[in-house]
Amino acid sequence: MEKGKLSSLRRYLLTGVVVSAPVGVTVFVLVWIFDRLDLILGRLFGTIVGVRVPGAGLLALFLLLIAVGWVAQQAVGGRLVSMTRDWLTKFPLTRTVYSAASQIVESIVMQKEKFFKGCVLIEYPRAGLWALGFLTGDAPAEVKALNNEDMVTVFVPTAPNPTSGVLVFVPRSNARELRMSVEDGFKLVLSGGVVLPNQLGTPAR
């Protein structure tokens, strides 16, 4: 086979992988979540009604969440939720987990505020090397006091898995703000730097 044809086949193969892989990963994750939830809740639902129906577990979860939401908005349900929250915040371990989970869920689901404020560049892990980070907000007051300067909190993700990373506190003047959106930043990390912001569209301003 001619060298030009081999080069074209290789290019088509790589393009096919780039196009298909994200779709495949997304489908795999969704199917995995569906199977696990449906296995647990579907088995319970099947025991109650006597018939195993695929997807019934997720339907039961959906209806249960609606019911919990309705009860929580009623007078009695509101008091019950308040009592449960008070009980969970009495113990150190449950207080930490519940508080963090509550803030994250409210920020994402209720869209009260953006979880990340923007993308920044910081020198990490040493001077002369620059890492992409997501600005989460101001650093805690104690951190600012110890350093005697204005500090910010930055989450530095690991590639290609942005769900893990390190949390660092840096002087605000050392965090260089980027015009790229947080979404473009995540795509940059997920691709290992292969997909650049100018390939994703106009950067956010």
C-alpha atoms as a PDB file:
ATOM      1  CA  MET A   1       0.000   0.000   0.000  1.00  0.00           C
ATOM      2  CA  GLU A   2       1.283   3.470  -0.890  1.00  0.00           C
ATOM      3  CA  LYS A   3       2.724   5.648   1.849  1.00  0.00           C
ATOM      4  CA  GLY A   4       0.117   8.373   1.191  1.00  0.00           C
ATOM      5  CA  LYS A   5      -2.771   5.938   1.647  1.00  0.00           C
ATOM      6  CA  LEU A   6      -1.259   4.593   4.874  1.00  0.00           C
ATOM      7  CA  SER A   7      -0.934   8.144   6.147  1.00  0.00           C
ATOM      8  CA  SER A   8      -4.581   8.842   5.277  1.00  0.00           C
ATOM      9  CA  LEU A   9      -5.747   5.647   7.031  1.00  0.00           C
ATOM     10  CA  ARG A  10      -3.742   6.566  10.098  1.00  0.00           C
ATOM     11  CA  ARG A  11      -5.261  10.050  10.109  1.00  0.00           C
ATOM     12  CA  TYR A  12      -8.776   8.636   9.731  1.00  0.00           C
ATOM     13  CA  LEU A  13      -8.117   6.162  12.546  1.00  0.00           C
ATOM     14  CA  LEU A  14      -6.922   8.867  14.924  1.00  0.00           C
ATOM     15  CA  THR A  15      -9.849  11.104  13.999  1.00  0.00           C
ATOM     16  CA  GLY A  16     -12.246   8.211  14.610  1.00  0.00           C
ATOM     17  CA  VAL A  17     -10.748   7.629  18.057  1.00  0.00           C
ATOM     18  CA  VAL A  18     -10.964  11.325  18.972  1.00  0.00           C
ATOM     19  CA  VAL A  19     -14.600  11.517  17.845  1.00  0.00           C
ATOM     20  CA  SER A  20     -15.764   8.165  19.241  1.00  0.00           C
ATOM     21  CA  ALA A  21     -13.884   7.953  22.553  1.00  0.00           C
ATOM     22  CA  PRO A  22     -15.737  10.779  24.390  1.00  0.00           C
ATOM     23  CA  VAL A  23     -19.088   9.388  23.236  1.00  0.00           C
ATOM     24  CA  GLY A  24     -18.081   5.884  24.298  1.00  0.00           C
ATOM     25  CA  VAL A  25     -16.892   7.035  27.727  1.00  0.00           C
ATOM     26  CA  THR A  26     -20.087   9.037  28.285  1.00  0.00           C
ATOM     27  CA  VAL A  27     -22.304   6.106  27.303  1.00  0.00           C
ATOM     28  CA  PHE A  28     -20.246   3.730  29.462  1.00  0.00           C
ATOM     29  CA  VAL A  29     -20.575   5.956  32.547  1.00  0.00           C
ATOM     30  CA  LEU A  30     -24.324   6.445  32.044  1.00  0.00           C
ATOM     31  CA  VAL A  31     -24.897   2.704  31.514  1.00  0.00           C
ATOM     32  CA  TRP A  32     -22.761   1.902  34.579  1.00  0.00           C
ATOM     33  CA  ILE A  33     -24.778   4.297  36.765  1.00  0.00           C
ATOM     34  CA  PHE A  34     -28.063   2.966  35.356  1.00  0.00           C
ATOM     35  CA  ASP A  35     -27.074  -0.669  35.954  1.00  0.00           C
ATOM     36  CA  ARG A  36     -25.909  -0.094  39.523  1.00  0.00           C
ATOM     37  CA  LEU A  37     -28.931   1.948  40.594  1.00  0.00           C
ATOM     38  CA  ASP A  38     -31.373  -0.299  38.819  1.00  0.00           C
ATOM     39  CA  LEU A  39     -29.739  -3.410  40.290  1.00  0.00           C
ATOM     40  CA  ILE A  40     -30.156  -2.117  43.846  1.00  0.00           C
ATOM     41  CA  LEU A  41     -33.527  -0.379  43.607  1.00  0.00           C
ATOM     42  CA  GLY A  42     -34.935  -2.659  40.911  1.00  0.00           C
ATOM     43  CA  ARG A  43     -34.385  -5.717  43.081  1.00  0.00           C
ATOM     44  CA  LEU A  44     -36.231  -4.042  45.959  1.00  0.00           C
ATOM     45  CA  PHE A  45     -39.043  -2.913  43.667  1.00  0.00           C
ATOM     46  CA  GLY A  46     -39.275  -6.400  42.138  1.00  0.00           C
ATOM     47  CA  THR A  47     -39.553  -7.951  45.603  1.00  0.00           C
ATOM     48  CA  ILE A  48     -42.458  -5.649  46.443  1.00  0.00           C
ATOM     49  CA  VAL A  49     -44.476  -6.076  43.229  1.00  0.00           C
ATOM     50  CA  GLY A  50     -43.267  -9.589  42.393  1.00  0.00           C
ATOM     51  CA  VAL A  51     -42.098  -8.672  38.888  1.00  0.00           C
ATOM     52  CA  ARG A  52     -38.602  -7.618  37.769  1.00  0.00           C
ATOM     53  CA  VAL A  53     -38.982  -4.695  35.382  1.00  0.00           C
ATOM     54  CA  PRO A  54     -35.797  -3.158  33.847  1.00  0.00           C
ATOM     55  CA  GLY A  55     -35.614   0.523  34.679  1.00  0.00           C
ATOM     56  CA  ALA A  56     -38.165   0.273  37.484  1.00  0.00           C
ATOM     57  CA  GLY A  57     -35.457   0.983  40.059  1.00  0.00           C
ATOM     58  CA  LEU A  58     -34.637   4.357  38.544  1.00  0.00           C
ATOM     59  CA  LEU A  59     -38.326   5.176  38.233  1.00  0.00           C
ATOM     60  CA  ALA A  60     -38.772   4.327  41.901  1.00  0.00           C
ATOM     61  CA  LEU A  61     -35.819   6.562  42.826  1.00  0.00           C
ATOM     62  CA  PHE A  62     -37.253   9.404  40.740  1.00  0.00           C
ATOM     63  CA  LEU A  63     -40.639   9.130  42.441  1.00  0.00           C
ATOM     64  CA  LEU A  64     -39.002   8.803  45.873  1.00  0.00           C
ATOM     65  CA  LEU A  65     -36.999  12.012  45.368  1.00  0.00           C
ATOM     66  CA  ILE A  66     -40.139  13.868  44.293  1.00  0.00           C
ATOM     67  CA  ALA A  67     -41.958  12.564  47.376  1.00  0.00           C
ATOM     68  CA  VAL A  68     -39.081  13.596  49.674  1.00  0.00           C
ATOM     69  CA  GLY A  69     -39.007  17.059  48.086  1.00  0.00           C
ATOM     70  CA  TRP A  70     -42.769  17.454  48.537  1.00  0.00           C
ATOM     71  CA  VAL A  71     -42.653  16.348  52.178  1.00  0.00           C
ATOM     72  CA  ALA A  72     -39.673  18.649  52.879  1.00  0.00           C
ATOM     73  CA  GLN A  73     -41.682  21.663  51.710  1.00  0.00           C
ATOM     74  CA  GLN A  74     -44.581  20.921  54.015  1.00  0.00           C
ATOM     75  CA  ALA A  75     -44.698  22.238  57.582  1.00  0.00           C
ATOM     76  CA  VAL A  76     -44.133  18.860  59.271  1.00  0.00           C
ATOM     77  CA  GLY A  77     -41.553  17.816  56.686  1.00  0.00           C
ATOM     78  CA  GLY A  78     -39.663  21.071  57.126  1.00  0.00           C
ATOM     79  CA  ARG A  79     -39.386  20.506  60.864  1.00  0.00           C
ATOM     80  CA  LEU A  80     -38.223  16.916  60.260  1.00  0.00           C
ATOM     81  CA  VAL A  81     -35.526  18.082  57.831  1.00  0.00           C
ATOM     82  CA  SER A  82     -34.426  20.738  60.326  1.00  0.00           C
ATOM     83  CA  MET A  83     -34.216  18.164  63.138  1.00  0.00           C
ATOM     84  CA  THR A  84     -32.192  15.803  60.928  1.00  0.00           C
ATOM     85  CA  ARG A  85     -29.824  18.614  59.942  1.00  0.00           C
ATOM     86  CA  ASP A  86     -29.352  19.598  63.583  1.00  0.00           C
ATOM     87  CA  TRP A  87     -28.611  15.997  64.542  1.00  0.00           C
ATOM     88  CA  LEU A  88     -26.060  15.547  61.750  1.00  0.00           C
ATOM     89  CA  THR A  89     -24.236  18.752  62.696  1.00  0.00           C
ATOM     90  CA  LYS A  90     -23.781  17.686  66.316  1.00  0.00           C
ATOM     91  CA  PHE A  91     -20.987  15.183  65.576  1.00  0.00           C
ATOM     92  CA  PRO A  92     -17.586  16.176  64.113  1.00  0.00           C
ATOM     93  CA  LEU A  93     -17.442  13.575  61.309  1.00  0.00           C
ATOM     94  CA  THR A  94     -21.054  13.837  60.151  1.00  0.00           C
ATOM     95  CA  ARG A  95     -20.940  17.634  60.495  1.00  0.00           C
ATOM     96  CA  THR A  96     -17.930  17.887  58.158  1.00  0.00           C
ATOM     97  CA  VAL A  97     -19.320  15.492  55.547  1.00  0.00           C
ATOM     98  CA  TYR A  98     -22.863  16.882  55.647  1.00  0.00           C
ATOM     99  CA  SER A  99     -21.745  20.514  55.482  1.00  0.00           C
ATOM    100  CA  ALA A 100     -19.430  19.933  52.520  1.00  0.00           C
ATOM    101  CA  ALA A 101     -21.946  17.769  50.644  1.00  0.00           C
ATOM    102  CA  SER A 102     -24.757  20.232  51.303  1.00  0.00           C
ATOM    103  CA  GLN A 103     -22.798  23.207  49.958  1.00  0.00           C
ATOM    104  CA  ILE A 104     -21.631  21.338  46.860  1.00  0.00           C
ATOM    105  CA  VAL A 105     -25.082  20.000  46.006  1.00  0.00           C
ATOM    106  CA  GLU A 106     -26.774  23.360  46.570  1.00  0.00           C
ATOM    107  CA  SER A 107     -24.171  25.124  44.430  1.00  0.00           C
ATOM    108  CA  ILE A 108     -24.508  22.675  41.532  1.00  0.00           C
ATOM    109  CA  VAL A 109     -28.154  21.585  41.606  1.00  0.00           C
ATOM    110  CA  MET A 110     -29.761  24.815  42.805  1.00  0.00           C
ATOM    111  CA  GLN A 111     -27.253  26.915  40.831  1.00  0.00           C
ATOM    112  CA  LYS A 112     -26.921  29.424  43.660  1.00  0.00           C
ATOM    113  CA  GLU A 113     -23.431  30.354  42.517  1.00  0.00           C
ATOM    114  CA  LYS A 114     -20.712  29.190  40.189  1.00  0.00           C
ATOM    115  CA  PHE A 115     -18.574  26.501  41.788  1.00  0.00           C
ATOM    116  CA  PHE A 116     -15.455  27.791  39.998  1.00  0.00           C
ATOM    117  CA  LYS A 117     -14.999  31.502  39.353  1.00  0.00           C
ATOM    118  CA  GLY A 118     -12.631  31.170  36.401  1.00  0.00           C
ATOM    119  CA  CYS A 119      -9.364  29.765  35.075  1.00  0.00           C
ATOM    120  CA  VAL A 120      -5.978  30.981  36.291  1.00  0.00           C
ATOM    121  CA  LEU A 121      -2.305  30.219  35.788  1.00  0.00           C
ATOM    122  CA  ILE A 122      -0.115  29.713  38.837  1.00  0.00           C
ATOM    123  CA  GLU A 123       3.512  28.695  39.239  1.00  0.00           C
ATOM    124  CA  TYR A 124       3.249  25.065  40.355  1.00  0.00           C
ATOM    125  CA  PRO A 125       4.817  22.779  41.499  1.00  0.00           C
ATOM    126  CA  ARG A 126       7.804  25.149  41.451  1.00  0.00           C
ATOM    127  CA  ALA A 127       8.815  28.537  40.118  1.00  0.00           C
ATOM    128  CA  GLY A 128       9.192  28.547  36.342  1.00  0.00           C
ATOM    129  CA  LEU A 129       6.535  25.882  35.754  1.00  0.00           C
ATOM    130  CA  TRP A 130       2.959  27.005  35.153  1.00  0.00           C
ATOM    131  CA  ALA A 131      -0.170  25.014  35.934  1.00  0.00           C
ATOM    132  CA  LEU A 132      -3.789  25.577  34.968  1.00  0.00           C
ATOM    133  CA  GLY A 133      -6.040  26.025  37.976  1.00  0.00           C
ATOM    134  CA  PHE A 134      -9.653  26.845  38.740  1.00  0.00           C
ATOM    135  CA  LEU A 135     -10.257  29.820  41.011  1.00  0.00           C
ATOM    136  CA  THR A 136     -12.722  28.903  43.761  1.00  0.00           C
ATOM    137  CA  GLY A 137     -12.660  32.161  45.725  1.00  0.00           C
ATOM    138  CA  ASP A 138     -10.874  33.955  48.537  1.00  0.00           C
ATOM    139  CA  ALA A 139      -8.578  32.009  50.839  1.00  0.00           C
ATOM    140  CA  PRO A 140      -9.691  31.487  54.468  1.00  0.00           C
ATOM    141  CA  ALA A 141      -9.083  34.477  56.746  1.00  0.00           C
ATOM    142  CA  GLU A 142      -6.517  32.525  58.790  1.00  0.00           C
ATOM    143  CA  VAL A 143      -4.442  31.825  55.656  1.00  0.00           C
ATOM    144  CA  LYS A 144      -4.508  35.507  54.715  1.00  0.00           C
ATOM    145  CA  ALA A 145      -3.519  36.530  58.246  1.00  0.00           C
ATOM    146  CA  LEU A 146      -0.574  34.120  58.408  1.00  0.00           C
ATOM    147  CA  ASN A 147       0.794  35.365  55.081  1.00  0.00           C
ATOM    148  CA  ASN A 148      -0.165  38.987  55.711  1.00  0.00           C
ATOM    149  CA  GLU A 149      -1.457  39.442  52.150  1.00  0.00           C
ATOM    150  CA  ASP A 150      -4.485  38.892  49.964  1.00  0.00           C
ATOM    151  CA  MET A 151      -4.692  35.179  49.086  1.00  0.00           C
ATOM    152  CA  VAL A 152      -6.988  33.145  46.840  1.00  0.00           C
ATOM    153  CA  THR A 153      -7.941  29.483  46.742  1.00  0.00           C
ATOM    154  CA  VAL A 154      -7.106  27.583  43.550  1.00  0.00           C
ATOM    155  CA  PHE A 155      -7.923  23.988  42.621  1.00  0.00           C
ATOM    156  CA  VAL A 156      -5.231  22.504  40.373  1.00  0.00           C
ATOM    157  CA  PRO A 157      -6.679  19.474  38.531  1.00  0.00           C
ATOM    158  CA  THR A 158      -4.755  16.446  37.338  1.00  0.00           C
ATOM    159  CA  ALA A 159      -4.874  15.447  33.663  1.00  0.00           C
ATOM    160  CA  PRO A 160      -6.759  13.708  32.209  1.00  0.00           C
ATOM    161  CA  ASN A 161      -8.958  13.335  35.309  1.00  0.00           C
ATOM    162  CA  PRO A 162     -10.011  16.806  36.528  1.00  0.00           C
ATOM    163  CA  THR A 163     -12.031  15.353  39.418  1.00  0.00           C
ATOM    164  CA  SER A 164      -8.783  14.881  41.354  1.00  0.00           C
ATOM    165  CA  GLY A 165      -6.054  17.397  42.059  1.00  0.00           C
ATOM    166  CA  VAL A 166      -4.585  19.608  44.752  1.00  0.00           C
ATOM    167  CA  LEU A 167      -5.898  22.639  46.606  1.00  0.00           C
ATOM    168  CA  VAL A 168      -3.418  25.507  46.876  1.00  0.00           C
ATOM    169  CA  PHE A 169      -3.463  28.999  48.362  1.00  0.00           C
ATOM    170  CA  VAL A 170      -1.578  31.633  46.384  1.00  0.00           C
ATOM    171  CA  PRO A 171      -1.240  35.415  46.564  1.00  0.00           C
ATOM    172  CA  ARG A 172      -3.896  37.022  44.374  1.00  0.00           C
ATOM    173  CA  SER A 173      -1.157  38.835  42.443  1.00  0.00           C
ATOM    174  CA  ASN A 174       0.438  35.477  41.535  1.00  0.00           C
ATOM    175  CA  ALA A 175      -2.756  34.006  40.053  1.00  0.00           C
ATOM    176  CA  ARG A 176      -2.895  35.118  36.433  1.00  0.00           C
ATOM    177  CA  GLU A 177      -6.487  35.174  35.214  1.00  0.00           C
ATOM    178  CA  LEU A 178      -7.223  33.613  31.816  1.00  0.00           C
ATOM    179  CA  ARG A 179      -9.974  34.536  29.378  1.00  0.00           C
ATOM    180  CA  MET A 180     -10.882  30.893  28.691  1.00  0.00           C
ATOM    181  CA  SER A 181     -14.083  29.642  30.295  1.00  0.00           C
ATOM    182  CA  VAL A 182     -14.128  27.006  33.031  1.00  0.00           C
ATOM    183  CA  GLU A 183     -15.716  24.583  30.556  1.00  0.00           C
ATOM    184  CA  ASP A 184     -12.850  25.122  28.093  1.00  0.00           C
ATOM    185  CA  GLY A 185     -10.399  24.658  30.942  1.00  0.00           C
ATOM    186  CA  PHE A 186     -11.936  21.288  31.806  1.00  0.00           C
ATOM    187  CA  LYS A 187     -11.763  20.212  28.168  1.00  0.00           C
ATOM    188  CA  LEU A 188      -8.123  21.245  28.021  1.00  0.00           C
ATOM    189  CA  VAL A 189      -7.340  19.113  31.073  1.00  0.00           C
ATOM    190  CA  LEU A 190      -9.419  16.159  29.835  1.00  0.00           C
ATOM    191  CA  SER A 191      -7.575  16.130  26.508  1.00  0.00           C
ATOM    192  CA  GLY A 192      -4.164  16.376  28.152  1.00  0.00           C
ATOM    193  CA  GLY A 193      -3.541  19.681  26.392  1.00  0.00           C
ATOM    194  CA  VAL A 194      -4.384  18.345  22.935  1.00  0.00           C
ATOM    195  CA  VAL A 195      -7.615  20.329  22.501  1.00  0.00           C
ATOM    196  CA  LEU A 196      -6.761  24.005  22.821  1.00  0.00           C
ATOM    197  CA  PRO A 197      -9.271  26.765  23.708  1.00  0.00           C
ATOM    198  CA  ASN A 198      -9.074  28.345  20.238  1.00  0.00           C
ATOM    199  CA  GLN A 199     -10.270  25.010  18.865  1.00  0.00           C
ATOM    200  CA  LEU A 200     -13.274  25.110  21.168  1.00  0.00           C
ATOM    201  CA  GLY A 201     -14.628  28.492  20.131  1.00  0.00           C
ATOM    202  CA  THR A 202     -14.227  32.056  21.288  1.00  0.00           C
ATOM    203  CA  PRO A 203     -12.854  32.287  24.844  1.00  0.00           C
ATOM    204  CA  ALA A 204     -15.163  33.737  27.474  1.00  0.00           C
ATOM    205  CA  ARG A 205     -14.473  37.379  28.343  1.00  0.00           C
END
